[in-house]
PDB file of N, CA and C in Angstrom:
ATOM      1  N   MET A   1     -26.225   6.078  15.012  1.00  0.00           N
ATOM      2  CA  MET A   1     -25.451   5.072  15.742  1.00  0.00           C
ATOM      3  C   MET A   1     -23.956   5.230  15.542  1.00  0.00           C
ATOM      4  N   CYS A   2     -23.537   5.308  14.270  1.00  0.00           N
ATOM      5  CA  CYS A   2     -22.115   5.430  13.912  1.00  0.00           C
ATOM      6  C   CYS A   2     -21.523   6.704  14.421  1.00  0.00           C
ATOM      7  N   ALA A   3     -22.281   7.813  14.310  1.00  0.00           N
ATOM      8  CA  ALA A   3     -21.771   9.043  14.830  1.00  0.00           C
ATOM      9  C   ALA A   3     -21.563   8.990  16.332  1.00  0.00           C
ATOM     10  N   VAL A   4     -22.427   8.412  17.100  1.00  0.00           N
ATOM     11  CA  VAL A   4     -22.301   8.285  18.488  1.00  0.00           C
ATOM     12  C   VAL A   4     -21.086   7.497  18.827  1.00  0.00           C
ATOM     13  N   LEU A   5     -20.890   6.422  18.069  1.00  0.00           N
ATOM     14  CA  LEU A   5     -19.808   5.499  18.356  1.00  0.00           C
ATOM     15  C   LEU A   5     -18.444   6.254  18.092  1.00  0.00           C
ATOM     16  N   ARG A   6     -18.411   7.075  16.982  1.00  0.00           N
ATOM     17  CA  ARG A   6     -17.212   7.764  16.673  1.00  0.00           C
ATOM     18  C   ARG A   6     -16.877   8.793  17.807  1.00  0.00           C
ATOM     19  N   VAL A   7     -17.932   9.455  18.336  1.00  0.00           N
ATOM     20  CA  VAL A   7     -17.667  10.422  19.421  1.00  0.00           C
ATOM     21  C   VAL A   7     -17.169   9.717  20.642  1.00  0.00           C
ATOM     22  N   GLN A   8     -17.747   8.594  20.954  1.00  0.00           N
ATOM     23  CA  GLN A   8     -17.281   7.844  22.137  1.00  0.00           C
ATOM     24  C   GLN A   8     -15.930   7.294  22.001  1.00  0.00           C
ATOM     25  N   ILE A   9     -15.555   6.894  20.791  1.00  0.00           N
ATOM     26  CA  ILE A   9     -14.103   6.418  20.532  1.00  0.00           C
ATOM     27  C   ILE A   9     -13.149   7.682  20.702  1.00  0.00           C
ATOM     28  N   ALA A  10     -13.600   8.735  20.050  1.00  0.00           N
ATOM     29  CA  ALA A  10     -12.648   9.893  20.178  1.00  0.00           C
ATOM     30  C   ALA A  10     -12.505  10.392  21.571  1.00  0.00           C
ATOM     31  N   ALA A  11     -13.619  10.416  22.272  1.00  0.00           N
ATOM     32  CA  ALA A  11     -13.547  10.871  23.742  1.00  0.00           C
ATOM     33  C   ALA A  11     -12.729   9.889  24.530  1.00  0.00           C
ATOM     34  N   GLY A  12     -12.815   8.640  24.274  1.00  0.00           N
ATOM     35  CA  GLY A  12     -11.981   7.570  24.969  1.00  0.00           C
ATOM     36  C   GLY A  12     -10.569   7.743  24.670  1.00  0.00           C
ATOM     37  N   ALA A  13     -10.265   7.944  23.429  1.00  0.00           N
ATOM     38  CA  ALA A  13      -8.797   8.189  23.019  1.00  0.00           C
ATOM     39  C   ALA A  13      -8.282   9.428  23.651  1.00  0.00           C
ATOM     40  N   ALA A  14      -9.089  10.542  23.645  1.00  0.00           N
ATOM     41  CA  ALA A  14      -8.603  11.761  24.089  1.00  0.00           C
ATOM     42  C   ALA A  14      -8.310  11.740  25.638  1.00  0.00           C
ATOM     43  N   GLY A  15      -9.007  10.775  26.332  1.00  0.00           N
ATOM     44  CA  GLY A  15      -8.700  10.639  27.679  1.00  0.00           C
ATOM     45  C   GLY A  15      -7.542   9.808  28.080  1.00  0.00           C
ATOM     46  N   LEU A  16      -6.916   9.224  27.124  1.00  0.00           N
ATOM     47  CA  LEU A  16      -5.709   8.407  27.419  1.00  0.00           C
ATOM     48  C   LEU A  16      -4.510   9.315  27.570  1.00  0.00           C
ATOM     49  N   PRO A  17      -3.489   8.904  28.331  1.00  0.00           N
ATOM     50  CA  PRO A  17      -2.328   9.612  28.460  1.00  0.00           C
ATOM     51  C   PRO A  17      -1.547   9.678  27.197  1.00  0.00           C
ATOM     52  N   ILE A  18      -0.676  10.622  26.903  1.00  0.00           N
ATOM     53  CA  ILE A  18       0.061  10.780  25.681  1.00  0.00           C
ATOM     54  C   ILE A  18       0.854   9.542  25.343  1.00  0.00           C
ATOM     55  N   TRP A  19       1.509   8.982  26.354  1.00  0.00           N
ATOM     56  CA  TRP A  19       2.308   7.837  26.140  1.00  0.00           C
ATOM     57  C   TRP A  19       1.501   6.623  25.516  1.00  0.00           C
ATOM     58  N   ALA A  20       0.226   6.627  25.747  1.00  0.00           N
ATOM     59  CA  ALA A  20      -0.627   5.539  25.171  1.00  0.00           C
ATOM     60  C   ALA A  20      -1.248   5.963  23.873  1.00  0.00           C
ATOM     61  N   ARG A  21      -1.503   7.309  23.719  1.00  0.00           N
ATOM     62  CA  ARG A  21      -2.057   7.790  22.403  1.00  0.00           C
ATOM     63  C   ARG A  21      -1.162   7.703  21.245  1.00  0.00           C
ATOM     64  N   LEU A  22       0.062   7.976  21.478  1.00  0.00           N
ATOM     65  CA  LEU A  22       1.104   7.918  20.445  1.00  0.00           C
ATOM     66  C   LEU A  22       1.265   6.567  19.774  1.00  0.00           C
ATOM     67  N   PRO A  23       1.548   5.521  20.491  1.00  0.00           N
ATOM     68  CA  PRO A  23       1.544   4.257  19.824  1.00  0.00           C
ATOM     69  C   PRO A  23       0.217   3.777  19.210  1.00  0.00           C
ATOM     70  N   LEU A  24      -0.867   4.019  19.961  1.00  0.00           N
ATOM     71  CA  LEU A  24      -2.170   3.778  19.412  1.00  0.00           C
ATOM     72  C   LEU A  24      -2.471   4.390  18.138  1.00  0.00           C
ATOM     73  N   SER A  25      -2.118   5.720  17.997  1.00  0.00           N
ATOM     74  CA  SER A  25      -2.353   6.411  16.741  1.00  0.00           C
ATOM     75  C   SER A  25      -1.495   5.813  15.588  1.00  0.00           C
ATOM     76  N   LEU A  26      -0.249   5.404  15.995  1.00  0.00           N
ATOM     77  CA  LEU A  26       0.698   4.782  15.005  1.00  0.00           C
ATOM     78  C   LEU A  26       0.058   3.547  14.490  1.00  0.00           C
ATOM     79  N   ILE A  27      -0.422   2.668  15.340  1.00  0.00           N
ATOM     80  CA  ILE A  27      -1.057   1.446  14.998  1.00  0.00           C
ATOM     81  C   ILE A  27      -2.258   1.588  14.118  1.00  0.00           C
ATOM     82  N   VAL A  28      -3.170   2.479  14.562  1.00  0.00           N
ATOM     83  CA  VAL A  28      -4.462   2.748  13.812  1.00  0.00           C
ATOM     84  C   VAL A  28      -4.032   3.325  12.439  1.00  0.00           C
ATOM     85  N   GLY A  29      -3.129   4.273  12.354  1.00  0.00           N
ATOM     86  CA  GLY A  29      -2.692   4.762  11.098  1.00  0.00           C
ATOM     87  C   GLY A  29      -2.081   3.713  10.173  1.00  0.00           C
ATOM     88  N   GLU A  30      -1.290   2.888  10.728  1.00  0.00           N
ATOM     89  CA  GLU A  30      -0.638   1.859   9.897  1.00  0.00           C
ATOM     90  C   GLU A  30      -1.641   0.793   9.432  1.00  0.00           C
ATOM     91  N   ILE A  31      -2.683   0.429  10.247  1.00  0.00           N
ATOM     92  CA  ILE A  31      -3.705  -0.395   9.729  1.00  0.00           C
ATOM     93  C   ILE A  31      -4.436   0.192   8.568  1.00  0.00           C
ATOM     94  N   GLY A  32      -4.750   1.482   8.619  1.00  0.00           N
ATOM     95  CA  GLY A  32      -5.383   2.082   7.508  1.00  0.00           C
ATOM     96  C   GLY A  32      -4.469   2.152   6.328  1.00  0.00           C
ATOM     97  N   PHE A  33      -3.178   2.474   6.490  1.00  0.00           N
ATOM     98  CA  PHE A  33      -2.292   2.461   5.346  1.00  0.00           C
ATOM     99  C   PHE A  33      -2.166   1.141   4.749  1.00  0.00           C
ATOM    100  N   TYR A  34      -2.021   0.051   5.585  1.00  0.00           N
ATOM    101  CA  TYR A  34      -1.782  -1.284   5.104  1.00  0.00           C
ATOM    102  C   TYR A  34      -2.968  -1.727   4.156  1.00  0.00           C
ATOM    103  N   TRP A  35      -4.233  -1.583   4.661  1.00  0.00           N
ATOM    104  CA  TRP A  35      -5.385  -1.920   3.845  1.00  0.00           C
ATOM    105  C   TRP A  35      -5.510  -1.043   2.592  1.00  0.00           C
ATOM    106  N   GLY A  36      -5.272   0.206   2.618  1.00  0.00           N
ATOM    107  CA  GLY A  36      -5.335   1.024   1.523  1.00  0.00           C
ATOM    108  C   GLY A  36      -4.281   0.693   0.525  1.00  0.00           C
ATOM    109  N   HIS A  37      -3.062   0.391   0.973  1.00  0.00           N
ATOM    110  CA  HIS A  37      -1.962  -0.077   0.062  1.00  0.00           C
ATOM    111  C   HIS A  37      -2.296  -1.388  -0.580  1.00  0.00           C
ATOM    112  N   ARG A  38      -2.764  -2.287   0.221  1.00  0.00           N
ATOM    113  CA  ARG A  38      -3.162  -3.635  -0.230  1.00  0.00           C
ATOM    114  C   ARG A  38      -4.213  -3.575  -1.344  1.00  0.00           C
ATOM    115  N   LEU A  39      -5.241  -2.712  -1.108  1.00  0.00           N
ATOM    116  CA  LEU A  39      -6.298  -2.540  -2.076  1.00  0.00           C
ATOM    117  C   LEU A  39      -5.764  -1.964  -3.459  1.00  0.00           C
ATOM    118  N   ARG A  40      -4.887  -0.978  -3.303  1.00  0.00           N
ATOM    119  CA  ARG A  40      -4.302  -0.307  -4.493  1.00  0.00           C
ATOM    120  C   ARG A  40      -3.497  -1.334  -5.224  1.00  0.00           C
ATOM    121  N   LEU A  41      -2.882  -2.219  -4.640  1.00  0.00           N
ATOM    122  CA  LEU A  41      -2.016  -3.203  -5.344  1.00  0.00           C
ATOM    123  C   LEU A  41      -2.825  -4.474  -5.852  1.00  0.00           C
ATOM    124  N   GLU A  42      -3.878  -4.797  -5.189  1.00  0.00           N
ATOM    125  CA  GLU A  42      -4.637  -5.978  -5.595  1.00  0.00           C
ATOM    126  C   GLU A  42      -5.837  -5.710  -6.549  1.00  0.00           C
ATOM    127  N   THR A  43      -6.217  -4.484  -6.630  1.00  0.00           N
ATOM    128  CA  THR A  43      -7.355  -4.133  -7.469  1.00  0.00           C
ATOM    129  C   THR A  43      -6.888  -3.622  -8.778  1.00  0.00           C
ATOM    130  N   PRO A  44      -7.100  -4.247  -9.831  1.00  0.00           N
ATOM    131  CA  PRO A  44      -6.542  -3.898 -11.202  1.00  0.00           C
ATOM    132  C   PRO A  44      -6.734  -2.419 -11.563  1.00  0.00           C
ATOM    133  N   LEU A  45      -7.933  -1.836 -11.381  1.00  0.00           N
ATOM    134  CA  LEU A  45      -8.143  -0.482 -11.698  1.00  0.00           C
ATOM    135  C   LEU A  45      -7.242   0.451 -10.838  1.00  0.00           C
ATOM    136  N   LEU A  46      -7.236   0.139  -9.582  1.00  0.00           N
ATOM    137  CA  LEU A  46      -6.390   1.020  -8.681  1.00  0.00           C
ATOM    138  C   LEU A  46      -4.906   0.820  -8.849  1.00  0.00           C
ATOM    139  N   TRP A  47      -4.505  -0.446  -9.210  1.00  0.00           N
ATOM    140  CA  TRP A  47      -3.150  -0.658  -9.641  1.00  0.00           C
ATOM    141  C   TRP A  47      -2.610   0.228 -10.761  1.00  0.00           C
ATOM    142  N   ARG A  48      -3.532   0.401 -11.626  1.00  0.00           N
ATOM    143  CA  ARG A  48      -3.098   1.351 -12.854  1.00  0.00           C
ATOM    144  C   ARG A  48      -2.632   2.723 -12.333  1.00  0.00           C
ATOM    145  N   PHE A  49      -3.246   3.181 -11.314  1.00  0.00           N
ATOM    146  CA  PHE A  49      -2.901   4.548 -10.786  1.00  0.00           C
ATOM    147  C   PHE A  49      -1.713   4.472  -9.837  1.00  0.00           C
ATOM    148  N   HIS A  50      -1.512   3.370  -9.183  1.00  0.00           N
ATOM    149  CA  HIS A  50      -0.483   3.085  -8.151  1.00  0.00           C
ATOM    150  C   HIS A  50       0.831   2.575  -8.689  1.00  0.00           C
ATOM    151  N   ALA A  51       0.780   2.058  -9.926  1.00  0.00           N
ATOM    152  CA  ALA A  51       2.056   1.365 -10.518  1.00  0.00           C
ATOM    153  C   ALA A  51       3.191   2.321 -10.572  1.00  0.00           C
ATOM    154  N   ILE A  52       2.956   3.590 -10.808  1.00  0.00           N
ATOM    155  CA  ILE A  52       3.968   4.487 -10.896  1.00  0.00           C
ATOM    156  C   ILE A  52       4.974   4.516  -9.623  1.00  0.00           C
ATOM    157  N   HIS A  53       4.372   4.148  -8.534  1.00  0.00           N
ATOM    158  CA  HIS A  53       5.225   4.099  -7.301  1.00  0.00           C
ATOM    159  C   HIS A  53       6.012   2.934  -7.176  1.00  0.00           C
ATOM    160  N   HIS A  54       5.778   1.940  -8.112  1.00  0.00           N
ATOM    161  CA  HIS A  54       6.518   0.581  -8.054  1.00  0.00           C
ATOM    162  C   HIS A  54       7.513   0.404  -9.145  1.00  0.00           C
ATOM    163  N   TRP A  55       7.855   1.418  -9.974  1.00  0.00           N
ATOM    164  CA  TRP A  55       8.803   1.185 -10.979  1.00  0.00           C
ATOM    165  C   TRP A  55      10.171   0.990 -10.378  1.00  0.00           C
ATOM    166  N   ARG A  56      10.428   1.216  -9.091  1.00  0.00           N
ATOM    167  CA  ARG A  56      11.707   0.904  -8.570  1.00  0.00           C
ATOM    168  C   ARG A  56      11.649  -0.348  -7.565  1.00  0.00           C
ATOM    169  N   HIS A  57      10.482  -0.942  -7.413  1.00  0.00           N
ATOM    170  CA  HIS A  57      10.319  -2.093  -6.577  1.00  0.00           C
ATOM    171  C   HIS A  57      10.606  -3.329  -7.214  1.00  0.00           C
ATOM    172  N   ALA A  58      10.666  -4.422  -6.411  1.00  0.00           N
ATOM    173  CA  ALA A  58      10.942  -5.768  -6.971  1.00  0.00           C
ATOM    174  C   ALA A  58       9.789  -6.194  -7.924  1.00  0.00           C
ATOM    175  N   ARG A  59      10.213  -7.026  -8.815  1.00  0.00           N
ATOM    176  CA  ARG A  59       9.254  -7.524  -9.791  1.00  0.00           C
ATOM    177  C   ARG A  59       8.347  -8.636  -9.415  1.00  0.00           C
ATOM    178  N   ALA A  60       7.751  -9.287 -10.294  1.00  0.00           N
ATOM    179  CA  ALA A  60       6.584 -10.183 -10.069  1.00  0.00           C
ATOM    180  C   ALA A  60       6.662 -11.147  -8.909  1.00  0.00           C
ATOM    181  N   ASP A  61       7.762 -11.788  -8.627  1.00  0.00           N
ATOM    182  CA  ASP A  61       7.765 -12.755  -7.541  1.00  0.00           C
ATOM    183  C   ASP A  61       7.668 -12.129  -6.136  1.00  0.00           C
ATOM    184  N   ARG A  62       7.703 -10.843  -6.109  1.00  0.00           N
ATOM    185  CA  ARG A  62       7.600 -10.138  -4.766  1.00  0.00           C
ATOM    186  C   ARG A  62       6.317  -9.360  -4.792  1.00  0.00           C
ATOM    187  N   ARG A  63       5.471  -9.462  -5.690  1.00  0.00           N
ATOM    188  CA  ARG A  63       4.139  -8.805  -5.650  1.00  0.00           C
ATOM    189  C   ARG A  63       3.268  -9.322  -4.659  1.00  0.00           C
ATOM    190  N   ASP A  64       2.354  -8.446  -4.249  1.00  0.00           N
ATOM    191  CA  ASP A  64       1.312  -8.737  -3.231  1.00  0.00           C
ATOM    192  C   ASP A  64       1.914  -9.249  -1.930  1.00  0.00           C
ATOM    193  N   ARG A  65       2.923  -8.574  -1.457  1.00  0.00           N
ATOM    194  CA  ARG A  65       3.551  -8.907  -0.195  1.00  0.00           C
ATOM    195  C   ARG A  65       4.125  -7.576   0.358  1.00  0.00           C
ATOM    196  N   ASN A  66       4.336  -7.668   1.681  1.00  0.00           N
ATOM    197  CA  ASN A  66       4.959  -6.576   2.429  1.00  0.00           C
ATOM    198  C   ASN A  66       4.290  -5.156   2.139  1.00  0.00           C
ATOM    199  N   TYR A  67       3.017  -5.124   2.500  1.00  0.00           N
ATOM    200  CA  TYR A  67       2.229  -3.888   2.288  1.00  0.00           C
ATOM    201  C   TYR A  67       2.465  -2.783   3.373  1.00  0.00           C
ATOM    202  N   ALA A  68       2.949  -3.166   4.574  1.00  0.00           N
ATOM    203  CA  ALA A  68       3.054  -2.252   5.712  1.00  0.00           C
ATOM    204  C   ALA A  68       4.230  -1.244   5.389  1.00  0.00           C
ATOM    205  N   SER A  69       4.070  -0.009   5.931  1.00  0.00           N
ATOM    206  CA  SER A  69       5.037   0.943   5.676  1.00  0.00           C
ATOM    207  C   SER A  69       6.089   1.088   6.887  1.00  0.00           C
ATOM    208  N   MET A  70       5.457   1.056   8.078  1.00  0.00           N
ATOM    209  CA  MET A  70       6.339   1.235   9.277  1.00  0.00           C
ATOM    210  C   MET A  70       6.336   0.138  10.286  1.00  0.00           C
ATOM    211  N   LEU A  71       5.322  -0.675  10.277  1.00  0.00           N
ATOM    212  CA  LEU A  71       5.202  -1.783  11.294  1.00  0.00           C
ATOM    213  C   LEU A  71       5.027  -3.114  10.606  1.00  0.00           C
ATOM    214  N   PRO A  72       6.113  -3.717  10.256  1.00  0.00           N
ATOM    215  CA  PRO A  72       6.162  -4.938   9.460  1.00  0.00           C
ATOM    216  C   PRO A  72       5.387  -6.083  10.137  1.00  0.00           C
ATOM    217  N   PHE A  73       5.168  -6.035  11.481  1.00  0.00           N
ATOM    218  CA  PHE A  73       4.324  -7.066  12.039  1.00  0.00           C
ATOM    219  C   PHE A  73       2.845  -7.073  11.474  1.00  0.00           C
ATOM    220  N   MET A  74       2.418  -5.986  10.826  1.00  0.00           N
ATOM    221  CA  MET A  74       1.164  -6.044  10.220  1.00  0.00           C
ATOM    222  C   MET A  74       1.145  -7.124   9.093  1.00  0.00           C
ATOM    223  N   ASP A  75       2.233  -7.176   8.356  1.00  0.00           N
ATOM    224  CA  ASP A  75       2.232  -8.173   7.275  1.00  0.00           C
ATOM    225  C   ASP A  75       2.258  -9.602   7.829  1.00  0.00           C
ATOM    226  N   ARG A  76       2.874  -9.756   8.993  1.00  0.00           N
ATOM    227  CA  ARG A  76       2.861 -11.058   9.586  1.00  0.00           C
ATOM    228  C   ARG A  76       1.403 -11.404  10.108  1.00  0.00           C
ATOM    229  N   ILE A  77       0.764 -10.457  10.681  1.00  0.00           N
ATOM    230  CA  ILE A  77      -0.614 -10.639  11.105  1.00  0.00           C
ATOM    231  C   ILE A  77      -1.561 -11.064   9.954  1.00  0.00           C
ATOM    232  N   PHE A  78      -1.462 -10.340   8.864  1.00  0.00           N
ATOM    233  CA  PHE A  78      -2.374 -10.549   7.792  1.00  0.00           C
ATOM    234  C   PHE A  78      -1.801 -11.525   6.676  1.00  0.00           C
ATOM    235  N   GLY A  79      -0.671 -12.200   7.022  1.00  0.00           N
ATOM    236  CA  GLY A  79      -0.164 -13.268   6.165  1.00  0.00           C
ATOM    237  C   GLY A  79       0.480 -12.775   4.847  1.00  0.00           C
ATOM    238  N   THR A  80       1.029 -11.567   4.821  1.00  0.00           N
ATOM    239  CA  THR A  80       1.576 -11.026   3.595  1.00  0.00           C
ATOM    240  C   THR A  80       3.100 -10.734   3.773  1.00  0.00           C
ATOM    241  N   VAL A  81       3.687 -11.184   4.883  1.00  0.00           N
ATOM    242  CA  VAL A  81       5.055 -10.916   5.070  1.00  0.00           C
ATOM    243  C   VAL A  81       5.970 -11.781   4.124  1.00  0.00           C
ATOM    244  N   TYR A  82       6.991 -11.196   3.539  1.00  0.00           N
ATOM    245  CA  TYR A  82       7.869 -11.948   2.675  1.00  0.00           C
ATOM    246  C   TYR A  82       9.331 -11.452   3.082  1.00  0.00           C
ATOM    247  N   LEU A  83      10.085 -12.476   3.464  1.00  0.00           N
ATOM    248  CA  LEU A  83      11.471 -12.204   3.845  1.00  0.00           C
ATOM    249  C   LEU A  83      12.464 -13.065   2.956  1.00  0.00           C
ATOM    250  N   PRO A  84      12.758 -12.559   1.826  1.00  0.00           N
ATOM    251  CA  PRO A  84      13.729 -13.333   0.904  1.00  0.00           C
ATOM    252  C   PRO A  84      15.074 -13.466   1.507  1.00  0.00           C
ATOM    253  N   LYS A  85      15.676 -14.491   1.102  1.00  0.00           N
ATOM    254  CA  LYS A  85      17.079 -14.870   1.587  1.00  0.00           C
ATOM    255  C   LYS A  85      18.121 -13.971   0.727  1.00  0.00           C
ATOM    256  N   SER A  86      17.761 -13.455  -0.365  1.00  0.00           N
ATOM    257  CA  SER A  86      18.660 -12.580  -1.177  1.00  0.00           C
ATOM    258  C   SER A  86      17.917 -11.420  -1.761  1.00  0.00           C
ATOM    259  N   TRP A  87      18.663 -10.508  -2.264  1.00  0.00           N
ATOM    260  CA  TRP A  87      18.090  -9.311  -2.944  1.00  0.00           C
ATOM    261  C   TRP A  87      17.503  -9.719  -4.287  1.00  0.00           C
ATOM    262  N   PRO A  88      16.477  -9.053  -4.735  1.00  0.00           N
ATOM    263  CA  PRO A  88      15.817  -9.406  -5.945  1.00  0.00           C
ATOM    264  C   PRO A  88      16.792  -9.179  -7.160  1.00  0.00           C
ATOM    265  N   ALA A  89      16.613  -9.987  -8.178  1.00  0.00           N
ATOM    266  CA  ALA A  89      17.478  -9.927  -9.424  1.00  0.00           C
ATOM    267  C   ALA A  89      17.110  -8.674 -10.216  1.00  0.00           C
ATOM    268  N   GLU A  90      15.846  -8.396 -10.232  1.00  0.00           N
ATOM    269  CA  GLU A  90      15.410  -7.181 -10.963  1.00  0.00           C
ATOM    270  C   GLU A  90      14.277  -6.497 -10.246  1.00  0.00           C
ATOM    271  N   TYR A  91      14.120  -5.105 -10.566  1.00  0.00           N
ATOM    272  CA  TYR A  91      13.177  -4.329  -9.942  1.00  0.00           C
ATOM    273  C   TYR A  91      12.234  -3.784 -10.908  1.00  0.00           C
ATOM    274  N   GLY A  92      11.095  -3.222 -10.528  1.00  0.00           N
ATOM    275  CA  GLY A  92      10.204  -2.477 -11.342  1.00  0.00           C
ATOM    276  C   GLY A  92       8.960  -3.282 -11.777  1.00  0.00           C
ATOM    277  N   VAL A  93       8.215  -2.707 -12.659  1.00  0.00           N
ATOM    278  CA  VAL A  93       7.034  -3.347 -13.155  1.00  0.00           C
ATOM    279  C   VAL A  93       7.284  -3.714 -14.623  1.00  0.00           C
ATOM    280  N   ASP A  94       6.381  -4.452 -15.281  1.00  0.00           N
ATOM    281  CA  ASP A  94       6.572  -4.911 -16.601  1.00  0.00           C
ATOM    282  C   ASP A  94       6.646  -3.857 -17.589  1.00  0.00           C
ATOM    283  N   ALA A  95       5.895  -2.743 -17.501  1.00  0.00           N
ATOM    284  CA  ALA A  95       5.889  -1.755 -18.499  1.00  0.00           C
ATOM    285  C   ALA A  95       6.952  -0.656 -18.049  1.00  0.00           C
ATOM    286  N   PRO A  96       7.746  -0.145 -18.995  1.00  0.00           N
ATOM    287  CA  PRO A  96       8.722   0.909 -18.623  1.00  0.00           C
ATOM    288  C   PRO A  96       7.864   2.251 -18.318  1.00  0.00           C
ATOM    289  N   PRO A  97       8.393   3.077 -17.447  1.00  0.00           N
ATOM    290  CA  PRO A  97       7.747   4.298 -17.131  1.00  0.00           C
ATOM    291  C   PRO A  97       7.700   5.267 -18.354  1.00  0.00           C
ATOM    292  N   PRO A  98       6.639   6.019 -18.475  1.00  0.00           N
ATOM    293  CA  PRO A  98       6.607   7.059 -19.552  1.00  0.00           C
ATOM    294  C   PRO A  98       7.670   8.134 -19.282  1.00  0.00           C
ATOM    295  N   GLU A  99       8.168   8.747 -20.368  1.00  0.00           N
ATOM    296  CA  GLU A  99       9.373   9.661 -20.260  1.00  0.00           C
ATOM    297  C   GLU A  99       9.085  10.940 -19.494  1.00  0.00           C
ATOM    298  N   ASN A 100       7.860  11.501 -19.674  1.00  0.00           N
ATOM    299  CA  ASN A 100       7.604  12.841 -19.043  1.00  0.00           C
ATOM    300  C   ASN A 100       6.416  12.863 -18.159  1.00  0.00           C
ATOM    301  N   LEU A 101       6.314  13.895 -17.346  1.00  0.00           N
ATOM    302  CA  LEU A 101       5.220  13.930 -16.357  1.00  0.00           C
ATOM    303  C   LEU A 101       3.843  13.865 -16.854  1.00  0.00           C
ATOM    304  N   VAL A 102       3.604  14.558 -18.012  1.00  0.00           N
ATOM    305  CA  VAL A 102       2.199  14.499 -18.612  1.00  0.00           C
ATOM    306  C   VAL A 102       1.849  13.050 -18.991  1.00  0.00           C
ATOM    307  N   ASP A 103       2.779  12.312 -19.659  1.00  0.00           N
ATOM    308  CA  ASP A 103       2.611  10.898 -19.997  1.00  0.00           C
ATOM    309  C   ASP A 103       2.413  10.084 -18.758  1.00  0.00           C
ATOM    310  N   GLN A 104       3.123  10.363 -17.724  1.00  0.00           N
ATOM    311  CA  GLN A 104       3.028   9.605 -16.450  1.00  0.00           C
ATOM    312  C   GLN A 104       1.631   9.767 -15.858  1.00  0.00           C
ATOM    313  N   LEU A 105       1.147  11.030 -15.959  1.00  0.00           N
ATOM    314  CA  LEU A 105      -0.246  11.357 -15.357  1.00  0.00           C
ATOM    315  C   LEU A 105      -1.335  10.658 -16.252  1.00  0.00           C
ATOM    316  N   LEU A 106      -1.146  10.530 -17.535  1.00  0.00           N
ATOM    317  CA  LEU A 106      -2.115   9.937 -18.358  1.00  0.00           C
ATOM    318  C   LEU A 106      -1.958   8.415 -18.497  1.00  0.00           C
ATOM    319  N   PHE A 107      -0.863   7.891 -18.010  1.00  0.00           N
ATOM    320  CA  PHE A 107      -0.624   6.430 -18.216  1.00  0.00           C
ATOM    321  C   PHE A 107      -1.709   5.516 -17.653  1.00  0.00           C
ATOM    322  N   PRO A 108      -2.280   5.752 -16.487  1.00  0.00           N
ATOM    323  CA  PRO A 108      -3.374   4.920 -15.996  1.00  0.00           C
ATOM    324  C   PRO A 108      -4.551   4.780 -16.902  1.00  0.00           C
ATOM    325  N   PHE A 109      -4.792   5.713 -17.841  1.00  0.00           N
ATOM    326  CA  PHE A 109      -5.825   5.742 -18.778  1.00  0.00           C
ATOM    327  C   PHE A 109      -5.530   5.152 -20.126  1.00  0.00           C
ATOM    328  N   SER A 110      -4.253   4.731 -20.297  1.00  0.00           N
ATOM    329  CA  SER A 110      -3.789   4.172 -21.539  1.00  0.00           C
ATOM    330  C   SER A 110      -4.079   2.672 -21.752  1.00  0.00           C
ATOM    331  N   ALA A 111      -3.936   2.215 -22.970  1.00  0.00           N
ATOM    332  CA  ALA A 111      -4.096   0.784 -23.251  1.00  0.00           C
ATOM    333  C   ALA A 111      -2.857   0.021 -22.616  1.00  0.00           C
ATOM    334  N   ASN A 112      -1.681   0.534 -22.557  1.00  0.00           N
ATOM    335  CA  ASN A 112      -0.627  -0.157 -21.885  1.00  0.00           C
ATOM    336  C   ASN A 112      -0.899  -0.365 -20.362  1.00  0.00           C
ATOM    337  N   ALA A 113      -1.485   0.512 -19.711  1.00  0.00           N
ATOM    338  CA  ALA A 113      -1.871   0.340 -18.305  1.00  0.00           C
ATOM    339  C   ALA A 113      -2.997  -0.704 -18.165  1.00  0.00           C
ATOM    340  N   ALA A 114      -3.875  -0.686 -19.101  1.00  0.00           N
ATOM    341  CA  ALA A 114      -5.000  -1.674 -19.003  1.00  0.00           C
ATOM    342  C   ALA A 114      -4.375  -3.083 -19.231  1.00  0.00           C
ATOM    343  N   ALA A 115      -3.443  -3.238 -20.155  1.00  0.00           N
ATOM    344  CA  ALA A 115      -2.860  -4.546 -20.412  1.00  0.00           C
ATOM    345  C   ALA A 115      -1.992  -4.968 -19.243  1.00  0.00           C
ATOM    346  N   ASP A 116      -1.361  -3.983 -18.548  1.00  0.00           N
ATOM    347  CA  ASP A 116      -0.451  -4.342 -17.443  1.00  0.00           C
ATOM    348  C   ASP A 116      -1.157  -4.435 -16.048  1.00  0.00           C
ATOM    349  N   SER A 117      -2.334  -4.310 -16.022  1.00  0.00           N
ATOM    350  CA  SER A 117      -3.127  -4.255 -14.736  1.00  0.00           C
ATOM    351  C   SER A 117      -2.915  -5.616 -13.958  1.00  0.00           C
ATOM    352  N   ARG A 118      -1.703  -5.705 -13.419  1.00  0.00           N
ATOM    353  CA  ARG A 118      -1.289  -6.800 -12.598  1.00  0.00           C
ATOM    354  C   ARG A 118      -1.248  -8.126 -13.287  1.00  0.00           C
ATOM    355  N   SER A 119      -1.080  -8.114 -14.588  1.00  0.00           N
ATOM    356  CA  SER A 119      -1.047  -9.406 -15.336  1.00  0.00           C
ATOM    357  C   SER A 119       0.239 -10.038 -15.321  1.00  0.00           C
ATOM    358  N   GLY A 120       1.225  -9.436 -14.834  1.00  0.00           N
ATOM    359  CA  GLY A 120       2.645 -10.024 -14.826  1.00  0.00           C
ATOM    360  C   GLY A 120       2.926 -11.019 -13.851  1.00  0.00           C
TER     361      GLY A 120
END
């Protein structure tokens, strides 16, 4: 059933003109990115691996907001939009980043990452 549905969706999309396929593919891709990003941020185990990408982001009061990458209206639709009136006072996560690449790759498996799993 799912395979048949996928084939029908793909065939339907392929039959659309290019001017309709481009924005549709952007929206579908952004929905996938939004939910993947949200899961990585809100799931403690996944956050341990994703935290390295947030050492330059705003700190605790801005967490769990603005997941979309290109289409901010996704955050408005799913209730995660955050539009502060001023720039954040500080950026990053609670734990400082490891010094070298090997330690950064091993960080999600460390006790520091377990303690910092979205606890801040």
